[in-house]
Amino acid sequence: LTCSWSGGTASVSWVAPTTNEDGSDLLDLAGFKVLYGTSTD
């Protein structure tokens, strides 16, 4: 008996920023959002 499961799991990781755009330390980082879909648009 051969059974199939649809789809899979994609694990993504990243490097968190440590400074603001002006070069000052980033002290109020709260979290992240991962956006994903089947098209870049």
PDB file of all heavy atoms in Angstrom:
ATOM      1  N   LEU A   1       0.865  -1.179   0.000  1.00  0.00           N
ATOM      2  CA  LEU A   1       0.000   0.000   0.000  1.00  0.00           C
ATOM      3  C   LEU A   1       0.904   1.231   0.000  1.00  0.00           C
ATOM      4  O   LEU A   1       1.729   1.405   0.900  1.00  0.00           O
ATOM      5  CB  LEU A   1      -0.913   0.015   1.219  1.00  0.00           C
ATOM      6  CG  LEU A   1      -1.970   1.129   1.229  1.00  0.00           C
ATOM      7  CD1 LEU A   1      -2.991   0.898   0.109  1.00  0.00           C
ATOM      8  CD2 LEU A   1      -2.690   1.201   2.576  1.00  0.00           C
ATOM      9  N   THR A   2       0.759   2.064  -1.031  1.00  0.00           N
ATOM     10  CA  THR A   2       1.531   3.297  -1.162  1.00  0.00           C
ATOM     11  C   THR A   2       0.584   4.481  -1.001  1.00  0.00           C
ATOM     12  O   THR A   2      -0.420   4.575  -1.721  1.00  0.00           O
ATOM     13  CB  THR A   2       2.232   3.370  -2.529  1.00  0.00           C
ATOM     14  OG1 THR A   2       3.079   2.227  -2.684  1.00  0.00           O
ATOM     15  CG2 THR A   2       3.067   4.628  -2.639  1.00  0.00           C
ATOM     16  N   CYS A   3       0.898   5.374  -0.070  1.00  0.00           N
ATOM     17  CA  CYS A   3       0.035   6.514   0.220  1.00  0.00           C
ATOM     18  C   CYS A   3       0.787   7.819   0.000  1.00  0.00           C
ATOM     19  O   CYS A   3       2.008   7.880   0.170  1.00  0.00           O
ATOM     20  CB  CYS A   3      -0.493   6.441   1.655  1.00  0.00           C
ATOM     21  SG  CYS A   3      -1.513   4.975   1.971  1.00  0.00           S
ATOM     22  N   SER A   4       0.049   8.849  -0.370  1.00  0.00           N
ATOM     23  CA  SER A   4       0.648  10.143  -0.708  1.00  0.00           C
ATOM     24  C   SER A   4       0.092  11.247   0.176  1.00  0.00           C
ATOM     25  O   SER A   4      -1.086  11.243   0.540  1.00  0.00           O
ATOM     26  CB  SER A   4       0.389  10.481  -2.182  1.00  0.00           C
ATOM     27  OG  SER A   4       0.954   9.494  -3.026  1.00  0.00           O
ATOM     28  N   TRP A   5       0.979  12.159   0.494  1.00  0.00           N
ATOM     29  CA  TRP A   5       0.614  13.364   1.234  1.00  0.00           C
ATOM     30  C   TRP A   5       0.948  14.557   0.350  1.00  0.00           C
ATOM     31  O   TRP A   5       2.027  14.613  -0.243  1.00  0.00           O
ATOM     32  CB  TRP A   5       1.385  13.470   2.540  1.00  0.00           C
ATOM     33  CG  TRP A   5       0.955  12.511   3.583  1.00  0.00           C
ATOM     34  CD1 TRP A   5       0.148  12.761   4.645  1.00  0.00           C
ATOM     35  CD2 TRP A   5       1.308  11.125   3.685  1.00  0.00           C
ATOM     36  NE1 TRP A   5      -0.031  11.622   5.394  1.00  0.00           N
ATOM     37  CE2 TRP A   5       0.666  10.600   4.838  1.00  0.00           C
ATOM     38  CE3 TRP A   5       2.104  10.274   2.926  1.00  0.00           C
ATOM     39  CZ2 TRP A   5       0.804   9.275   5.226  1.00  0.00           C
ATOM     40  CZ3 TRP A   5       2.238   8.952   3.301  1.00  0.00           C
ATOM     41  CH2 TRP A   5       1.593   8.468   4.439  1.00  0.00           C
ATOM     42  N   SER A   6       0.026  15.508   0.252  1.00  0.00           N
ATOM     43  CA  SER A   6       0.211  16.647  -0.628  1.00  0.00           C
ATOM     44  C   SER A   6       1.069  17.705   0.047  1.00  0.00           C
ATOM     45  O   SER A   6       0.889  18.033   1.217  1.00  0.00           O
ATOM     46  CB  SER A   6      -1.143  17.252  -1.006  1.00  0.00           C
ATOM     47  OG  SER A   6      -0.974  18.384  -1.823  1.00  0.00           O
ATOM     48  N   GLY A   7       2.015  18.239  -0.719  1.00  0.00           N
ATOM     49  CA  GLY A   7       2.769  19.398  -0.247  1.00  0.00           C
ATOM     50  C   GLY A   7       3.917  19.051   0.662  1.00  0.00           C
ATOM     51  O   GLY A   7       4.286  17.911   0.853  1.00  0.00           O
ATOM     52  N   GLY A   8       4.507  20.114   1.226  1.00  0.00           N
ATOM     53  CA  GLY A   8       5.659  19.948   2.091  1.00  0.00           C
ATOM     54  C   GLY A   8       5.804  21.130   3.017  1.00  0.00           C
ATOM     55  O   GLY A   8       4.925  21.984   3.118  1.00  0.00           O
ATOM     56  N   THR A   9       6.940  21.204   3.674  1.00  0.00           N
ATOM     57  CA  THR A   9       7.242  22.278   4.605  1.00  0.00           C
ATOM     58  C   THR A   9       8.491  23.003   4.127  1.00  0.00           C
ATOM     59  O   THR A   9       9.510  22.368   3.866  1.00  0.00           O
ATOM     60  CB  THR A   9       7.487  21.721   6.017  1.00  0.00           C
ATOM     61  OG1 THR A   9       6.312  21.058   6.465  1.00  0.00           O
ATOM     62  CG2 THR A   9       7.840  22.833   6.990  1.00  0.00           C
ATOM     63  N   ALA A  10       8.424  24.321   4.008  1.00  0.00           N
ATOM     64  CA  ALA A  10       9.585  25.129   3.642  1.00  0.00           C
ATOM     65  C   ALA A  10      10.039  25.890   4.879  1.00  0.00           C
ATOM     66  O   ALA A  10       9.272  26.636   5.490  1.00  0.00           O
ATOM     67  CB  ALA A  10       9.246  26.095   2.520  1.00  0.00           C
ATOM     68  N   SER A  11      11.289  25.687   5.274  1.00  0.00           N
ATOM     69  CA  SER A  11      11.845  26.356   6.444  1.00  0.00           C
ATOM     70  C   SER A  11      12.747  27.493   5.986  1.00  0.00           C
ATOM     71  O   SER A  11      13.677  27.279   5.204  1.00  0.00           O
ATOM     72  CB  SER A  11      12.640  25.369   7.302  1.00  0.00           C
ATOM     73  OG  SER A  11      11.799  24.349   7.791  1.00  0.00           O
ATOM     74  N   VAL A  12      12.469  28.695   6.460  1.00  0.00           N
ATOM     75  CA  VAL A  12      13.226  29.873   6.061  1.00  0.00           C
ATOM     76  C   VAL A  12      13.924  30.461   7.288  1.00  0.00           C
ATOM     77  O   VAL A  12      13.381  30.454   8.397  1.00  0.00           O
ATOM     78  CB  VAL A  12      12.296  30.916   5.397  1.00  0.00           C
ATOM     79  CG1 VAL A  12      11.170  31.315   6.317  1.00  0.00           C
ATOM     80  CG2 VAL A  12      13.073  32.145   4.968  1.00  0.00           C
ATOM     81  N   SER A  13      15.143  30.933   7.113  1.00  0.00           N
ATOM     82  CA  SER A  13      15.869  31.594   8.205  1.00  0.00           C
ATOM     83  C   SER A  13      16.524  32.864   7.686  1.00  0.00           C
ATOM     84  O   SER A  13      16.719  33.027   6.483  1.00  0.00           O
ATOM     85  CB  SER A  13      16.909  30.656   8.816  1.00  0.00           C
ATOM     86  OG  SER A  13      17.846  30.251   7.851  1.00  0.00           O
ATOM     87  N   TRP A  14      16.863  33.760   8.585  1.00  0.00           N
ATOM     88  CA  TRP A  14      17.370  35.065   8.185  1.00  0.00           C
ATOM     89  C   TRP A  14      18.316  35.625   9.243  1.00  0.00           C
ATOM     90  O   TRP A  14      18.434  35.088  10.342  1.00  0.00           O
ATOM     91  CB  TRP A  14      16.209  36.035   7.965  1.00  0.00           C
ATOM     92  CG  TRP A  14      15.326  36.184   9.159  1.00  0.00           C
ATOM     93  CD1 TRP A  14      15.481  37.042  10.208  1.00  0.00           C
ATOM     94  CD2 TRP A  14      14.148  35.422   9.435  1.00  0.00           C
ATOM     95  NE1 TRP A  14      14.480  36.869  11.124  1.00  0.00           N
ATOM     96  CE2 TRP A  14      13.644  35.887  10.677  1.00  0.00           C
ATOM     97  CE3 TRP A  14      13.473  34.404   8.771  1.00  0.00           C
ATOM     98  CZ2 TRP A  14      12.486  35.361  11.259  1.00  0.00           C
ATOM     99  CZ3 TRP A  14      12.338  33.884   9.349  1.00  0.00           C
ATOM    100  CH2 TRP A  14      11.843  34.354  10.572  1.00  0.00           C
ATOM    101  N   VAL A  15      18.983  36.731   8.881  1.00  0.00           N
ATOM    102  CA  VAL A  15      19.840  37.470   9.807  1.00  0.00           C
ATOM    103  C   VAL A  15      19.103  38.733  10.225  1.00  0.00           C
ATOM    104  O   VAL A  15      18.671  39.519   9.383  1.00  0.00           O
ATOM    105  CB  VAL A  15      21.191  37.835   9.155  1.00  0.00           C
ATOM    106  CG1 VAL A  15      22.019  38.692  10.100  1.00  0.00           C
ATOM    107  CG2 VAL A  15      21.944  36.576   8.775  1.00  0.00           C
ATOM    108  N   ALA A  16      18.937  38.936  11.526  1.00  0.00           N
ATOM    109  CA  ALA A  16      18.192  40.090  12.027  1.00  0.00           C
ATOM    110  C   ALA A  16      19.041  41.363  11.915  1.00  0.00           C
ATOM    111  O   ALA A  16      20.263  41.326  12.107  1.00  0.00           O
ATOM    112  CB  ALA A  16      17.797  39.862  13.477  1.00  0.00           C
ATOM    113  N   PRO A  17      18.419  42.497  11.598  1.00  0.00           N
ATOM    114  CA  PRO A  17      19.164  43.773  11.558  1.00  0.00           C
ATOM    115  C   PRO A  17      19.536  44.224  12.976  1.00  0.00           C
ATOM    116  O   PRO A  17      18.865  43.866  13.945  1.00  0.00           O
ATOM    117  CB  PRO A  17      18.169  44.726  10.915  1.00  0.00           C
ATOM    118  CG  PRO A  17      16.828  44.172  11.272  1.00  0.00           C
ATOM    119  CD  PRO A  17      16.995  42.678  11.276  1.00  0.00           C
ATOM    120  N   THR A  18      20.600  44.987  13.084  1.00  0.00           N
ATOM    121  CA  THR A  18      21.058  45.482  14.396  1.00  0.00           C
ATOM    122  C   THR A  18      21.127  46.995  14.472  1.00  0.00           C
ATOM    123  O   THR A  18      21.329  47.553  15.552  1.00  0.00           O
ATOM    124  CB  THR A  18      22.447  44.909  14.716  1.00  0.00           C
ATOM    125  OG1 THR A  18      23.365  45.283  13.675  1.00  0.00           O
ATOM    126  CG2 THR A  18      22.394  43.387  14.824  1.00  0.00           C
ATOM    127  N   THR A  19      20.964  47.679  13.343  1.00  0.00           N
ATOM    128  CA  THR A  19      21.019  49.145  13.329  1.00  0.00           C
ATOM    129  C   THR A  19      19.880  49.715  12.514  1.00  0.00           C
ATOM    130  O   THR A  19      19.307  49.044  11.650  1.00  0.00           O
ATOM    131  CB  THR A  19      22.346  49.648  12.739  1.00  0.00           C
ATOM    132  OG1 THR A  19      22.465  49.182  11.397  1.00  0.00           O
ATOM    133  CG2 THR A  19      23.543  49.156  13.561  1.00  0.00           C
ATOM    134  N   ASN A  20      19.573  50.968  12.797  1.00  0.00           N
ATOM    135  CA  ASN A  20      18.602  51.702  11.995  1.00  0.00           C
ATOM    136  C   ASN A  20      19.273  52.229  10.737  1.00  0.00           C
ATOM    137  O   ASN A  20      20.503  52.137  10.560  1.00  0.00           O
ATOM    138  CB  ASN A  20      18.022  52.859  12.799  1.00  0.00           C
ATOM    139  CG  ASN A  20      17.155  52.363  13.941  1.00  0.00           C
ATOM    140  OD1 ASN A  20      16.158  51.678  13.740  1.00  0.00           O
ATOM    141  ND2 ASN A  20      17.549  52.701  15.177  1.00  0.00           N
ATOM    142  N   GLU A  21      18.454  52.807   9.846  1.00  0.00           N
ATOM    143  CA  GLU A  21      18.965  53.313   8.582  1.00  0.00           C
ATOM    144  C   GLU A  21      20.029  54.393   8.776  1.00  0.00           C
ATOM    145  O   GLU A  21      20.960  54.502   7.997  1.00  0.00           O
ATOM    146  CB  GLU A  21      17.806  53.848   7.743  1.00  0.00           C
ATOM    147  CG  GLU A  21      18.195  54.247   6.330  1.00  0.00           C
ATOM    148  CD  GLU A  21      17.008  54.739   5.535  1.00  0.00           C
ATOM    149  OE1 GLU A  21      16.157  55.423   6.130  1.00  0.00           O
ATOM    150  OE2 GLU A  21      16.921  54.429   4.345  1.00  0.00           O
ATOM    151  N   ASP A  22      19.888  55.156   9.865  1.00  0.00           N
ATOM    152  CA  ASP A  22      20.857  56.231  10.096  1.00  0.00           C
ATOM    153  C   ASP A  22      22.118  55.751  10.790  1.00  0.00           C
ATOM    154  O   ASP A  22      22.999  56.538  11.151  1.00  0.00           O
ATOM    155  CB  ASP A  22      20.210  57.352  10.910  1.00  0.00           C
ATOM    156  CG  ASP A  22      19.728  56.868  12.288  1.00  0.00           C
ATOM    157  OD1 ASP A  22      19.996  55.689  12.633  1.00  0.00           O
ATOM    158  OD2 ASP A  22      19.082  57.656  13.007  1.00  0.00           O
ATOM    159  N   GLY A  23      22.219  54.450  11.010  1.00  0.00           N
ATOM    160  CA  GLY A  23      23.403  53.898  11.626  1.00  0.00           C
ATOM    161  C   GLY A  23      23.321  53.749  13.125  1.00  0.00           C
ATOM    162  O   GLY A  23      24.219  53.163  13.744  1.00  0.00           O
ATOM    163  N   SER A  24      22.265  54.259  13.732  1.00  0.00           N
ATOM    164  CA  SER A  24      22.108  54.130  15.184  1.00  0.00           C
ATOM    165  C   SER A  24      21.698  52.716  15.545  1.00  0.00           C
ATOM    166  O   SER A  24      21.163  51.972  14.719  1.00  0.00           O
ATOM    167  CB  SER A  24      21.058  55.125  15.701  1.00  0.00           C
ATOM    168  OG  SER A  24      19.803  54.865  15.084  1.00  0.00           O
ATOM    169  N   ASP A  25      21.973  52.343  16.795  1.00  0.00           N
ATOM    170  CA  ASP A  25      21.620  50.989  17.234  1.00  0.00           C
ATOM    171  C   ASP A  25      20.112  50.768  17.202  1.00  0.00           C
ATOM    172  O   ASP A  25      19.332  51.663  17.575  1.00  0.00           O
ATOM    173  CB  ASP A  25      22.123  50.755  18.659  1.00  0.00           C
ATOM    174  CG  ASP A  25      23.641  50.690  18.731  1.00  0.00           C
ATOM    175  OD1 ASP A  25      24.261  50.434  17.690  1.00  0.00           O
ATOM    176  OD2 ASP A  25      24.182  50.915  19.832  1.00  0.00           O
ATOM    177  N   LEU A  26      19.720  49.595  16.751  1.00  0.00           N
ATOM    178  CA  LEU A  26      18.309  49.211  16.722  1.00  0.00           C
ATOM    179  C   LEU A  26      17.960  48.604  18.076  1.00  0.00           C
ATOM    180  O   LEU A  26      18.357  47.490  18.399  1.00  0.00           O
ATOM    181  CB  LEU A  26      18.057  48.205  15.592  1.00  0.00           C
ATOM    182  CG  LEU A  26      16.640  47.624  15.488  1.00  0.00           C
ATOM    183  CD1 LEU A  26      15.600  48.718  15.338  1.00  0.00           C
ATOM    184  CD2 LEU A  26      16.571  46.654  14.313  1.00  0.00           C
ATOM    185  N   LEU A  27      17.228  49.387  18.894  1.00  0.00           N
ATOM    186  CA  LEU A  27      16.936  48.967  20.268  1.00  0.00           C
ATOM    187  C   LEU A  27      15.497  48.506  20.472  1.00  0.00           C
ATOM    188  O   LEU A  27      15.164  47.977  21.538  1.00  0.00           O
ATOM    189  CB  LEU A  27      17.234  50.128  21.230  1.00  0.00           C
ATOM    190  CG  LEU A  27      18.673  50.671  21.189  1.00  0.00           C
ATOM    191  CD1 LEU A  27      18.808  51.875  22.126  1.00  0.00           C
ATOM    192  CD2 LEU A  27      19.665  49.575  21.545  1.00  0.00           C
ATOM    193  N   ASP A  28      14.646  48.708  19.478  1.00  0.00           N
ATOM    194  CA  ASP A  28      13.230  48.385  19.672  1.00  0.00           C
ATOM    195  C   ASP A  28      12.722  47.374  18.641  1.00  0.00           C
ATOM    196  O   ASP A  28      11.570  47.404  18.225  1.00  0.00           O
ATOM    197  CB  ASP A  28      12.374  49.651  19.626  1.00  0.00           C
ATOM    198  CG  ASP A  28      12.510  50.415  18.311  1.00  0.00           C
ATOM    199  OD1 ASP A  28      13.420  50.069  17.514  1.00  0.00           O
ATOM    200  OD2 ASP A  28      11.719  51.343  18.062  1.00  0.00           O
ATOM    201  N   LEU A  29      13.609  46.480  18.206  1.00  0.00           N
ATOM    202  CA  LEU A  29      13.177  45.411  17.292  1.00  0.00           C
ATOM    203  C   LEU A  29      12.150  44.540  17.995  1.00  0.00           C
ATOM    204  O   LEU A  29      12.377  44.048  19.097  1.00  0.00           O
ATOM    205  CB  LEU A  29      14.376  44.564  16.867  1.00  0.00           C
ATOM    206  CG  LEU A  29      14.077  43.370  15.940  1.00  0.00           C
ATOM    207  CD1 LEU A  29      13.521  43.845  14.604  1.00  0.00           C
ATOM    208  CD2 LEU A  29      15.336  42.539  15.735  1.00  0.00           C
ATOM    209  N   ALA A  30      10.986  44.356  17.370  1.00  0.00           N
ATOM    210  CA  ALA A  30       9.902  43.591  17.999  1.00  0.00           C
ATOM    211  C   ALA A  30       9.740  42.190  17.406  1.00  0.00           C
ATOM    212  O   ALA A  30       9.392  41.246  18.108  1.00  0.00           O
ATOM    213  CB  ALA A  30       8.580  44.352  17.872  1.00  0.00           C
ATOM    214  N   GLY A  31       9.978  42.050  16.116  1.00  0.00           N
ATOM    215  CA  GLY A  31       9.771  40.744  15.508  1.00  0.00           C
ATOM    216  C   GLY A  31       9.890  40.812  14.001  1.00  0.00           C
ATOM    217  O   GLY A  31      10.465  41.756  13.443  1.00  0.00           O
ATOM    218  N   PHE A  32       9.281  39.814  13.343  1.00  0.00           N
ATOM    219  CA  PHE A  32       9.428  39.679  11.899  1.00  0.00           C
ATOM    220  C   PHE A  32       8.112  39.215  11.283  1.00  0.00           C
ATOM    221  O   PHE A  32       7.258  38.626  11.959  1.00  0.00           O
ATOM    222  CB  PHE A  32      10.530  38.667  11.561  1.00  0.00           C
ATOM    223  CG  PHE A  32      11.834  38.950  12.247  1.00  0.00           C
ATOM    224  CD1 PHE A  32      12.124  38.370  13.476  1.00  0.00           C
ATOM    225  CD2 PHE A  32      12.756  39.812  11.675  1.00  0.00           C
ATOM    226  CE1 PHE A  32      13.313  38.639  14.122  1.00  0.00           C
ATOM    227  CE2 PHE A  32      13.946  40.083  12.314  1.00  0.00           C
ATOM    228  CZ  PHE A  32      14.232  39.502  13.542  1.00  0.00           C
ATOM    229  N   LYS A  33       7.985  39.483  10.000  1.00  0.00           N
ATOM    230  CA  LYS A  33       6.887  38.955   9.214  1.00  0.00           C
ATOM    231  C   LYS A  33       7.466  38.183   8.031  1.00  0.00           C
ATOM    232  O   LYS A  33       8.376  38.660   7.357  1.00  0.00           O
ATOM    233  CB  LYS A  33       5.981  40.073   8.697  1.00  0.00           C
ATOM    234  CG  LYS A  33       5.124  40.721   9.767  1.00  0.00           C
ATOM    235  CD  LYS A  33       4.207  41.777   9.151  1.00  0.00           C
ATOM    236  CE  LYS A  33       3.324  42.420  10.215  1.00  0.00           C
ATOM    237  NZ  LYS A  33       2.437  43.453   9.627  1.00  0.00           N
ATOM    238  N   VAL A  34       6.933  36.992   7.820  1.00  0.00           N
ATOM    239  CA  VAL A  34       7.309  36.185   6.659  1.00  0.00           C
ATOM    240  C   VAL A  34       6.142  36.210   5.691  1.00  0.00           C
ATOM    241  O   VAL A  34       5.029  35.798   6.038  1.00  0.00           O
ATOM    242  CB  VAL A  34       7.649  34.744   7.063  1.00  0.00           C
ATOM    243  CG1 VAL A  34       8.039  33.929   5.835  1.00  0.00           C
ATOM    244  CG2 VAL A  34       8.761  34.716   8.102  1.00  0.00           C
ATOM    245  N   LEU A  35       6.387  36.729   4.511  1.00  0.00           N
ATOM    246  CA  LEU A  35       5.352  36.776   3.483  1.00  0.00           C
ATOM    247  C   LEU A  35       5.694  35.754   2.407  1.00  0.00           C
ATOM    248  O   LEU A  35       6.848  35.666   1.972  1.00  0.00           O
ATOM    249  CB  LEU A  35       5.262  38.172   2.857  1.00  0.00           C
ATOM    250  CG  LEU A  35       4.687  39.300   3.730  1.00  0.00           C
ATOM    251  CD1 LEU A  35       5.681  39.791   4.746  1.00  0.00           C
ATOM    252  CD2 LEU A  35       4.214  40.445   2.848  1.00  0.00           C
ATOM    253  N   TYR A  36       4.704  34.992   1.987  1.00  0.00           N
ATOM    254  CA  TYR A  36       4.979  33.983   0.979  1.00  0.00           C
ATOM    255  C   TYR A  36       3.747  33.705   0.130  1.00  0.00           C
ATOM    256  O   TYR A  36       2.602  33.972   0.535  1.00  0.00           O
ATOM    257  CB  TYR A  36       5.512  32.696   1.594  1.00  0.00           C
ATOM    258  CG  TYR A  36       4.631  32.047   2.655  1.00  0.00           C
ATOM    259  CD1 TYR A  36       3.824  30.957   2.352  1.00  0.00           C
ATOM    260  CD2 TYR A  36       4.627  32.514   3.969  1.00  0.00           C
ATOM    261  CE1 TYR A  36       3.045  30.350   3.317  1.00  0.00           C
ATOM    262  CE2 TYR A  36       3.848  31.913   4.942  1.00  0.00           C
ATOM    263  CZ  TYR A  36       3.065  30.829   4.618  1.00  0.00           C
ATOM    264  OH  TYR A  36       2.281  30.234   5.572  1.00  0.00           O
ATOM    265  N   GLY A  37       3.995  33.164  -1.058  1.00  0.00           N
ATOM    266  CA  GLY A  37       2.912  32.854  -1.979  1.00  0.00           C
ATOM    267  C   GLY A  37       3.470  32.150  -3.197  1.00  0.00           C
ATOM    268  O   GLY A  37       4.672  31.868  -3.293  1.00  0.00           O
ATOM    269  N   THR A  38       2.600  31.895  -4.157  1.00  0.00           N
ATOM    270  CA  THR A  38       2.992  31.138  -5.344  1.00  0.00           C
ATOM    271  C   THR A  38       3.462  32.036  -6.485  1.00  0.00           C
ATOM    272  O   THR A  38       3.731  31.572  -7.580  1.00  0.00           O
ATOM    273  CB  THR A  38       1.828  30.268  -5.830  1.00  0.00           C
ATOM    274  OG1 THR A  38       0.669  31.093  -6.033  1.00  0.00           O
ATOM    275  CG2 THR A  38       1.499  29.200  -4.792  1.00  0.00           C
ATOM    276  N   SER A  39       3.575  33.347  -6.208  1.00  0.00           N
ATOM    277  CA  SER A  39       4.083  34.295  -7.189  1.00  0.00           C
ATOM    278  C   SER A  39       4.723  35.459  -6.437  1.00  0.00           C
ATOM    279  O   SER A  39       4.275  35.816  -5.342  1.00  0.00           O
ATOM    280  CB  SER A  39       2.952  34.803  -8.094  1.00  0.00           C
ATOM    281  OG  SER A  39       3.375  35.922  -8.856  1.00  0.00           O
ATOM    282  N   THR A  40       5.762  36.063  -7.026  1.00  0.00           N
ATOM    283  CA  THR A  40       6.389  37.222  -6.379  1.00  0.00           C
ATOM    284  C   THR A  40       5.429  38.396  -6.300  1.00  0.00           C
ATOM    285  O   THR A  40       5.604  39.297  -5.484  1.00  0.00           O
ATOM    286  CB  THR A  40       7.652  37.636  -7.139  1.00  0.00           C
ATOM    287  OG1 THR A  40       7.319  37.864  -8.530  1.00  0.00           O
ATOM    288  CG2 THR A  40       8.712  36.555  -7.037  1.00  0.00           C
ATOM    289  N   ASP A  41       4.404  38.368  -7.161  1.00  0.00           N
ATOM    290  CA  ASP A  41       3.398  39.437  -7.145  1.00  0.00           C
ATOM    291  C   ASP A  41       2.187  39.070  -6.299  1.00  0.00           C
ATOM    292  O   ASP A  41       1.231  39.841  -6.221  1.00  0.00           O
ATOM    293  CB  ASP A  41       2.929  39.737  -8.580  1.00  0.00           C
ATOM    294  CG  ASP A  41       4.061  40.230  -9.464  1.00  0.00           C
ATOM    295  OD1 ASP A  41       4.927  40.970  -8.951  1.00  0.00           O
ATOM    296  OD2 ASP A  41       4.080  39.866 -10.658  1.00  0.00           O
TER     297      ASP A  41
END
